[in-house]
Amino acid sequence: MPLVRIMTIKNTPLTIASTKNSLMRTYWRFDFFVQGLSDEEELPWFAMSKLGGDARMRGYYYGQYRDRYQMTAQLEYRHRFTQRHGMVVWGGAGNIAPHFNELFEDSWLPTYGLGYRFAFKPRVNVRLDLGFGDETTVYFNIHEAF
């Protein structure tokens, strides 16, 4: 049976009390992600959905939790203080399970944190994030998590 990957990603930016020309932009960003993998019962461990990493579920190491189905939701608040400096805070939760209906039965894993943003050039941010989950993790990347 071939490996089937089902993936839905939804990013919904919502702008609050801001204008295009405003120097100090403030907005919320929401990310919802569902991933399912199926190959009857023979799905290899390395091909399973992996929870954690620098984009979804910061505060958990990438691949720390693995199984067939994954669901995560995060809400991130972004604020720019000047043209080049800003900050973010976020919170979210995720779950991973062998069957889709079990995603809603077990306890969800929380994630939250804060970060600093430096606009290297327009639409290119250097980010330094401190994420909390099972572990406290530090991320240094270019571009936003989502």
N, C-alpha and C. Protein backbone atom coordinates (compact mmCIF):
# COMPACT_ATOMS: atom_id res chain seq x y z
N MET A 1 0.85 -1.18 0.00
CA MET A 1 0.00 0.00 0.00
C MET A 1 0.90 1.24 0.00
N PRO A 2 0.66 2.22 -0.87
CA PRO A 2 1.50 3.41 -0.92
C PRO A 2 1.28 4.30 0.30
N LEU A 3 2.29 5.05 0.62
CA LEU A 3 2.21 6.00 1.71
C LEU A 3 1.31 7.15 1.30
N VAL A 4 0.38 7.52 2.15
CA VAL A 4 -0.54 8.62 1.87
C VAL A 4 -0.28 9.71 2.89
N ARG A 5 -0.10 10.90 2.43
CA ARG A 5 0.13 12.03 3.32
C ARG A 5 -1.00 13.03 3.11
N ILE A 6 -1.68 13.35 4.19
CA ILE A 6 -2.76 14.32 4.16
C ILE A 6 -2.29 15.50 4.99
N MET A 7 -2.29 16.67 4.42
CA MET A 7 -1.78 17.82 5.15
C MET A 7 -2.68 19.02 4.88
N THR A 8 -3.08 19.69 5.93
CA THR A 8 -3.86 20.90 5.81
C THR A 8 -3.16 21.96 6.64
N ILE A 9 -2.85 23.06 6.01
CA ILE A 9 -2.22 24.16 6.73
C ILE A 9 -3.08 25.39 6.53
N LYS A 10 -3.37 26.10 7.59
CA LYS A 10 -4.18 27.30 7.48
C LYS A 10 -3.50 28.41 8.26
N ASN A 11 -3.16 29.48 7.59
CA ASN A 11 -2.62 30.67 8.23
C ASN A 11 -3.62 31.79 8.04
N THR A 12 -4.07 32.37 9.13
CA THR A 12 -5.06 33.43 9.04
C THR A 12 -4.52 34.66 9.76
N PRO A 13 -3.92 35.60 9.04
CA PRO A 13 -3.45 36.80 9.73
C PRO A 13 -4.63 37.72 10.04
N LEU A 14 -4.62 38.31 11.20
CA LEU A 14 -5.65 39.24 11.61
C LEU A 14 -4.96 40.50 12.09
N THR A 15 -5.24 41.63 11.46
CA THR A 15 -4.60 42.88 11.82
C THR A 15 -5.49 43.64 12.79
N ILE A 16 -4.94 44.08 13.89
CA ILE A 16 -5.69 44.80 14.91
C ILE A 16 -5.03 46.15 15.15
N ALA A 17 -5.80 47.24 15.07
CA ALA A 17 -5.34 48.59 15.39
C ALA A 17 -4.04 48.93 14.68
N SER A 18 -4.01 48.71 13.39
CA SER A 18 -2.81 48.98 12.63
C SER A 18 -3.18 49.47 11.24
N THR A 19 -2.27 50.19 10.62
CA THR A 19 -2.45 50.59 9.23
C THR A 19 -1.21 50.20 8.47
N LYS A 20 -1.30 50.20 7.15
CA LYS A 20 -0.14 49.83 6.34
C LYS A 20 1.04 50.76 6.57
N ASN A 21 0.76 52.03 6.84
CA ASN A 21 1.83 53.01 6.98
C ASN A 21 2.29 53.17 8.43
N SER A 22 1.71 52.44 9.33
CA SER A 22 2.06 52.55 10.74
C SER A 22 3.45 51.98 11.00
N LEU A 23 4.24 52.70 11.75
CA LEU A 23 5.57 52.22 12.10
C LEU A 23 5.49 51.10 13.13
N MET A 24 4.59 51.26 14.10
CA MET A 24 4.48 50.27 15.17
C MET A 24 3.30 49.34 14.89
N ARG A 25 3.49 48.38 14.02
CA ARG A 25 2.43 47.44 13.68
C ARG A 25 2.26 46.39 14.77
N THR A 26 1.02 46.07 15.02
CA THR A 26 0.68 45.03 15.98
C THR A 26 -0.33 44.13 15.33
N TYR A 27 -0.11 42.83 15.38
CA TYR A 27 -1.10 41.92 14.83
C TYR A 27 -0.98 40.53 15.41
N TRP A 28 -2.05 39.78 15.24
CA TRP A 28 -2.13 38.39 15.68
C TRP A 28 -1.96 37.50 14.47
N ARG A 29 -1.39 36.35 14.65
CA ARG A 29 -1.27 35.37 13.58
C ARG A 29 -1.67 34.01 14.15
N PHE A 30 -2.55 33.31 13.43
CA PHE A 30 -3.04 32.01 13.87
C PHE A 30 -2.60 30.95 12.88
N ASP A 31 -2.14 29.82 13.39
CA ASP A 31 -1.69 28.70 12.56
C ASP A 31 -2.38 27.44 13.04
N PHE A 32 -3.02 26.73 12.11
CA PHE A 32 -3.67 25.45 12.42
C PHE A 32 -3.11 24.42 11.46
N PHE A 33 -2.69 23.27 11.98
CA PHE A 33 -2.00 22.28 11.17
C PHE A 33 -2.50 20.89 11.53
N VAL A 34 -2.89 20.13 10.51
CA VAL A 34 -3.28 18.73 10.69
C VAL A 34 -2.48 17.91 9.70
N GLN A 35 -1.91 16.80 10.16
CA GLN A 35 -1.17 15.92 9.27
C GLN A 35 -1.54 14.49 9.61
N GLY A 36 -1.81 13.71 8.58
CA GLY A 36 -2.10 12.30 8.80
C GLY A 36 -1.32 11.46 7.81
N LEU A 37 -0.83 10.33 8.26
CA LEU A 37 -0.09 9.41 7.41
C LEU A 37 -0.72 8.04 7.54
N SER A 38 -0.81 7.33 6.42
CA SER A 38 -1.42 6.00 6.48
C SER A 38 -0.73 5.05 5.51
N ASP A 39 -0.42 3.88 5.98
CA ASP A 39 0.11 2.80 5.16
C ASP A 39 -0.25 1.49 5.84
N GLU A 40 -1.55 1.37 6.12
CA GLU A 40 -2.07 0.27 6.93
C GLU A 40 -1.29 0.24 8.23
N GLU A 41 -0.70 -0.87 8.58
CA GLU A 41 0.04 -0.95 9.85
C GLU A 41 1.54 -0.93 9.64
N GLU A 42 2.01 -0.71 8.43
CA GLU A 42 3.44 -0.85 8.13
C GLU A 42 4.15 0.48 7.90
N LEU A 43 3.68 1.54 8.52
CA LEU A 43 4.32 2.84 8.36
C LEU A 43 5.66 2.84 9.11
N PRO A 44 6.78 3.11 8.41
CA PRO A 44 8.08 3.11 9.10
C PRO A 44 8.19 4.27 10.09
N TRP A 45 8.94 4.04 11.14
CA TRP A 45 9.11 5.02 12.21
C TRP A 45 9.61 6.36 11.68
N PHE A 46 10.57 6.35 10.77
CA PHE A 46 11.15 7.59 10.26
C PHE A 46 10.19 8.39 9.39
N ALA A 47 9.10 7.79 8.90
CA ALA A 47 8.15 8.49 8.04
C ALA A 47 6.95 9.03 8.81
N MET A 48 6.86 8.78 10.09
CA MET A 48 5.71 9.21 10.88
C MET A 48 5.70 10.72 11.09
N SER A 49 4.52 11.26 11.42
CA SER A 49 4.39 12.67 11.77
C SER A 49 5.26 12.96 12.98
N LYS A 50 5.93 14.09 12.94
CA LYS A 50 6.85 14.46 14.02
C LYS A 50 6.36 15.75 14.67
N LEU A 51 6.18 15.71 15.97
CA LEU A 51 5.73 16.88 16.71
C LEU A 51 6.95 17.59 17.28
N GLY A 52 6.99 18.92 17.16
CA GLY A 52 8.09 19.70 17.71
C GLY A 52 8.89 20.38 16.62
N GLY A 53 9.81 21.23 17.02
CA GLY A 53 10.68 21.91 16.06
C GLY A 53 10.58 23.41 16.16
N ASP A 54 11.20 24.10 15.21
CA ASP A 54 11.27 25.56 15.27
C ASP A 54 10.08 26.27 14.64
N ALA A 55 9.16 25.56 14.02
CA ALA A 55 7.99 26.20 13.41
C ALA A 55 6.73 25.92 14.22
N ARG A 56 6.44 24.66 14.43
CA ARG A 56 5.27 24.26 15.21
C ARG A 56 5.73 23.60 16.49
N MET A 57 5.11 23.97 17.57
CA MET A 57 5.40 23.36 18.88
C MET A 57 6.83 23.65 19.33
N ARG A 58 7.23 24.92 19.25
CA ARG A 58 8.51 25.33 19.81
C ARG A 58 8.49 25.00 21.31
N GLY A 59 9.55 24.44 21.81
CA GLY A 59 9.61 23.97 23.19
C GLY A 59 9.68 22.45 23.24
N TYR A 60 9.59 21.83 22.06
CA TYR A 60 9.73 20.38 21.92
C TYR A 60 10.73 20.13 20.79
N TYR A 61 11.64 19.21 20.99
CA TYR A 61 12.61 18.90 19.95
C TYR A 61 11.91 18.22 18.78
N TYR A 62 12.32 18.53 17.57
CA TYR A 62 11.72 17.96 16.36
C TYR A 62 11.82 16.44 16.41
N GLY A 63 10.68 15.79 16.30
CA GLY A 63 10.65 14.34 16.33
C GLY A 63 10.60 13.74 17.72
N GLN A 64 10.49 14.58 18.74
CA GLN A 64 10.42 14.08 20.11
C GLN A 64 9.20 13.16 20.28
N TYR A 65 8.09 13.52 19.64
CA TYR A 65 6.90 12.68 19.62
C TYR A 65 6.61 12.31 18.17
N ARG A 66 6.33 11.03 17.91
CA ARG A 66 6.06 10.55 16.55
C ARG A 66 4.87 9.60 16.58
N ASP A 67 4.00 9.74 15.55
CA ASP A 67 2.92 8.79 15.36
C ASP A 67 2.27 9.09 14.01
N ARG A 68 1.15 8.45 13.72
CA ARG A 68 0.51 8.57 12.41
C ARG A 68 -0.19 9.91 12.19
N TYR A 69 -0.83 10.45 13.22
CA TYR A 69 -1.62 11.67 13.08
C TYR A 69 -1.13 12.74 14.04
N GLN A 70 -1.19 13.97 13.57
CA GLN A 70 -0.73 15.11 14.34
C GLN A 70 -1.70 16.26 14.16
N MET A 71 -1.96 17.00 15.22
CA MET A 71 -2.77 18.21 15.13
C MET A 71 -2.16 19.25 16.06
N THR A 72 -1.94 20.45 15.55
CA THR A 72 -1.41 21.54 16.38
C THR A 72 -2.17 22.82 16.07
N ALA A 73 -2.23 23.71 17.04
CA ALA A 73 -2.81 25.04 16.86
C ALA A 73 -1.97 26.01 17.68
N GLN A 74 -1.65 27.15 17.09
CA GLN A 74 -0.85 28.17 17.77
C GLN A 74 -1.41 29.54 17.47
N LEU A 75 -1.32 30.42 18.43
CA LEU A 75 -1.68 31.82 18.25
C LEU A 75 -0.45 32.63 18.62
N GLU A 76 -0.04 33.52 17.72
CA GLU A 76 1.17 34.31 17.94
C GLU A 76 0.83 35.79 17.83
N TYR A 77 1.26 36.56 18.80
CA TYR A 77 1.09 38.01 18.81
C TYR A 77 2.42 38.63 18.41
N ARG A 78 2.39 39.47 17.37
CA ARG A 78 3.62 40.11 16.88
C ARG A 78 3.48 41.62 17.02
N HIS A 79 4.52 42.25 17.54
CA HIS A 79 4.52 43.70 17.69
C HIS A 79 5.87 44.25 17.24
N ARG A 80 5.80 45.29 16.44
CA ARG A 80 7.02 45.95 15.96
C ARG A 80 7.18 47.27 16.70
N PHE A 81 8.32 47.46 17.37
CA PHE A 81 8.58 48.69 18.11
C PHE A 81 9.11 49.78 17.20
N THR A 82 10.02 49.43 16.32
CA THR A 82 10.58 50.37 15.35
C THR A 82 10.58 49.66 14.00
N GLN A 83 11.15 50.30 13.00
CA GLN A 83 11.20 49.66 11.69
C GLN A 83 11.97 48.36 11.69
N ARG A 84 12.92 48.21 12.61
CA ARG A 84 13.77 47.01 12.59
C ARG A 84 13.60 46.10 13.80
N HIS A 85 13.02 46.56 14.88
CA HIS A 85 12.97 45.77 16.11
C HIS A 85 11.53 45.44 16.50
N GLY A 86 11.33 44.19 16.91
CA GLY A 86 10.01 43.76 17.34
C GLY A 86 10.09 42.59 18.29
N MET A 87 8.91 42.12 18.71
CA MET A 87 8.84 40.99 19.62
C MET A 87 7.60 40.17 19.30
N VAL A 88 7.61 38.94 19.78
CA VAL A 88 6.46 38.05 19.64
C VAL A 88 6.25 37.30 20.95
N VAL A 89 5.01 36.94 21.21
CA VAL A 89 4.67 35.98 22.26
C VAL A 89 3.68 35.02 21.64
N TRP A 90 3.72 33.77 22.06
CA TRP A 90 2.81 32.79 21.48
C TRP A 90 2.38 31.77 22.51
N GLY A 91 1.30 31.11 22.17
CA GLY A 91 0.81 29.98 22.95
C GLY A 91 0.13 29.02 22.01
N GLY A 92 0.10 27.77 22.38
CA GLY A 92 -0.55 26.78 21.54
C GLY A 92 -0.56 25.42 22.20
N ALA A 93 -1.06 24.46 21.45
CA ALA A 93 -1.13 23.08 21.94
C ALA A 93 -1.09 22.14 20.75
N GLY A 94 -0.68 20.92 21.01
CA GLY A 94 -0.63 19.91 19.96
C GLY A 94 -0.80 18.52 20.53
N ASN A 95 -1.16 17.61 19.65
CA ASN A 95 -1.32 16.22 20.06
C ASN A 95 -0.91 15.32 18.90
N ILE A 96 -0.55 14.12 19.24
CA ILE A 96 -0.14 13.14 18.25
C ILE A 96 -0.70 11.79 18.68
N ALA A 97 -1.20 11.00 17.71
CA ALA A 97 -1.87 9.74 18.06
C ALA A 97 -1.80 8.75 16.91
N PRO A 98 -1.99 7.46 17.19
CA PRO A 98 -1.96 6.45 16.13
C PRO A 98 -3.21 6.45 15.25
N HIS A 99 -4.34 6.96 15.77
CA HIS A 99 -5.59 7.02 15.01
C HIS A 99 -6.17 8.42 15.13
N PHE A 100 -6.82 8.90 14.06
CA PHE A 100 -7.33 10.27 14.02
C PHE A 100 -8.26 10.56 15.19
N ASN A 101 -9.19 9.66 15.49
CA ASN A 101 -10.15 9.92 16.57
C ASN A 101 -9.49 10.00 17.94
N GLU A 102 -8.30 9.46 18.10
CA GLU A 102 -7.59 9.52 19.37
C GLU A 102 -6.89 10.87 19.60
N LEU A 103 -6.82 11.71 18.55
CA LEU A 103 -6.23 13.03 18.73
C LEU A 103 -6.99 13.84 19.77
N PHE A 104 -8.29 13.58 19.91
CA PHE A 104 -9.14 14.37 20.80
C PHE A 104 -9.31 13.72 22.17
N GLU A 105 -8.77 12.53 22.38
CA GLU A 105 -8.97 11.80 23.63
C GLU A 105 -7.86 12.04 24.65
N ASP A 106 -6.65 12.06 24.23
CA ASP A 106 -5.51 12.19 25.15
C ASP A 106 -5.29 13.65 25.53
N SER A 107 -4.45 13.86 26.53
CA SER A 107 -4.14 15.23 26.93
C SER A 107 -3.22 15.88 25.89
N TRP A 108 -3.44 17.15 25.65
CA TRP A 108 -2.67 17.90 24.67
C TRP A 108 -1.40 18.43 25.31
N LEU A 109 -0.38 18.62 24.50
CA LEU A 109 0.90 19.17 24.95
C LEU A 109 0.89 20.68 24.76
N PRO A 110 1.20 21.47 25.79
CA PRO A 110 1.20 22.93 25.64
C PRO A 110 2.54 23.44 25.11
N THR A 111 2.48 24.59 24.47
CA THR A 111 3.68 25.31 24.05
C THR A 111 3.43 26.80 24.25
N TYR A 112 4.44 27.53 24.68
CA TYR A 112 4.35 28.97 24.81
C TYR A 112 5.76 29.53 24.81
N GLY A 113 5.85 30.83 24.58
CA GLY A 113 7.18 31.43 24.58
C GLY A 113 7.17 32.87 24.13
N LEU A 114 8.36 33.41 23.96
CA LEU A 114 8.52 34.78 23.51
C LEU A 114 9.76 34.87 22.64
N GLY A 115 9.81 35.94 21.86
CA GLY A 115 10.94 36.07 20.95
C GLY A 115 11.23 37.50 20.56
N TYR A 116 12.42 37.73 20.07
CA TYR A 116 12.87 39.02 19.57
C TYR A 116 13.00 38.93 18.05
N ARG A 117 12.61 40.01 17.35
CA ARG A 117 12.72 40.06 15.90
C ARG A 117 13.57 41.26 15.48
N PHE A 118 14.45 41.02 14.52
CA PHE A 118 15.24 42.08 13.90
C PHE A 118 15.02 42.00 12.40
N ALA A 119 14.53 43.09 11.82
CA ALA A 119 14.26 43.13 10.37
C ALA A 119 15.59 43.36 9.64
N PHE A 120 16.15 42.28 9.14
CA PHE A 120 17.39 42.33 8.39
C PHE A 120 17.22 43.15 7.12
N LYS A 121 16.12 42.94 6.42
CA LYS A 121 15.67 43.74 5.29
C LYS A 121 14.16 43.56 5.21
N PRO A 122 13.45 44.31 4.37
CA PRO A 122 11.99 44.17 4.34
C PRO A 122 11.55 42.72 4.13
N ARG A 123 10.65 42.27 4.98
CA ARG A 123 10.07 40.93 4.94
C ARG A 123 11.07 39.80 5.23
N VAL A 124 12.23 40.14 5.78
CA VAL A 124 13.20 39.12 6.18
C VAL A 124 13.60 39.41 7.64
N ASN A 125 13.04 38.64 8.55
CA ASN A 125 13.34 38.81 9.97
C ASN A 125 14.35 37.77 10.45
N VAL A 126 15.25 38.23 11.28
CA VAL A 126 16.10 37.32 12.05
C VAL A 126 15.37 37.16 13.38
N ARG A 127 15.18 35.91 13.80
CA ARG A 127 14.41 35.70 15.02
C ARG A 127 15.20 34.92 16.06
N LEU A 128 14.98 35.29 17.30
CA LEU A 128 15.54 34.61 18.45
C LEU A 128 14.36 34.29 19.37
N ASP A 129 14.01 33.01 19.48
CA ASP A 129 12.84 32.59 20.25
C ASP A 129 13.25 31.74 21.44
N LEU A 130 12.51 31.88 22.51
CA LEU A 130 12.66 31.05 23.70
C LEU A 130 11.34 30.32 23.89
N GLY A 131 11.34 29.00 23.64
CA GLY A 131 10.11 28.21 23.69
C GLY A 131 10.07 27.30 24.90
N PHE A 132 8.88 27.15 25.46
CA PHE A 132 8.67 26.31 26.63
C PHE A 132 7.66 25.22 26.31
N GLY A 133 8.00 24.00 26.66
CA GLY A 133 7.14 22.83 26.48
C GLY A 133 7.68 21.77 27.43
N ASP A 134 8.01 20.60 26.92
CA ASP A 134 8.71 19.60 27.75
C ASP A 134 10.09 20.11 28.13
N GLU A 135 10.68 20.87 27.26
CA GLU A 135 12.02 21.43 27.46
C GLU A 135 11.95 22.94 27.26
N THR A 136 12.97 23.64 27.69
CA THR A 136 13.14 25.04 27.34
C THR A 136 14.13 25.06 26.19
N THR A 137 13.71 25.62 25.06
CA THR A 137 14.55 25.59 23.87
C THR A 137 14.76 27.00 23.34
N VAL A 138 15.91 27.23 22.74
CA VAL A 138 16.25 28.50 22.12
C VAL A 138 16.39 28.26 20.62
N TYR A 139 15.77 29.14 19.83
CA TYR A 139 15.83 29.02 18.37
C TYR A 139 16.38 30.31 17.79
N PHE A 140 17.30 30.19 16.86
CA PHE A 140 17.85 31.33 16.12
C PHE A 140 17.68 31.00 14.64
N ASN A 141 16.84 31.77 13.95
CA ASN A 141 16.52 31.50 12.54
C ASN A 141 16.32 32.78 11.76
N ILE A 142 16.22 32.62 10.46
CA ILE A 142 15.82 33.70 9.56
C ILE A 142 14.42 33.35 9.08
N HIS A 143 13.54 34.33 9.05
CA HIS A 143 12.12 34.22 8.67
C HIS A 143 11.28 33.80 9.87
N GLU A 144 10.00 34.08 9.78
CA GLU A 144 9.07 33.75 10.86
C GLU A 144 8.80 32.26 10.92
N ALA A 145 8.28 31.82 12.05
CA ALA A 145 7.95 30.41 12.22
C ALA A 145 6.80 30.02 11.29
N PHE A 146 5.85 30.91 11.11
CA PHE A 146 4.74 30.69 10.18
C PHE A 146 4.16 32.01 9.78
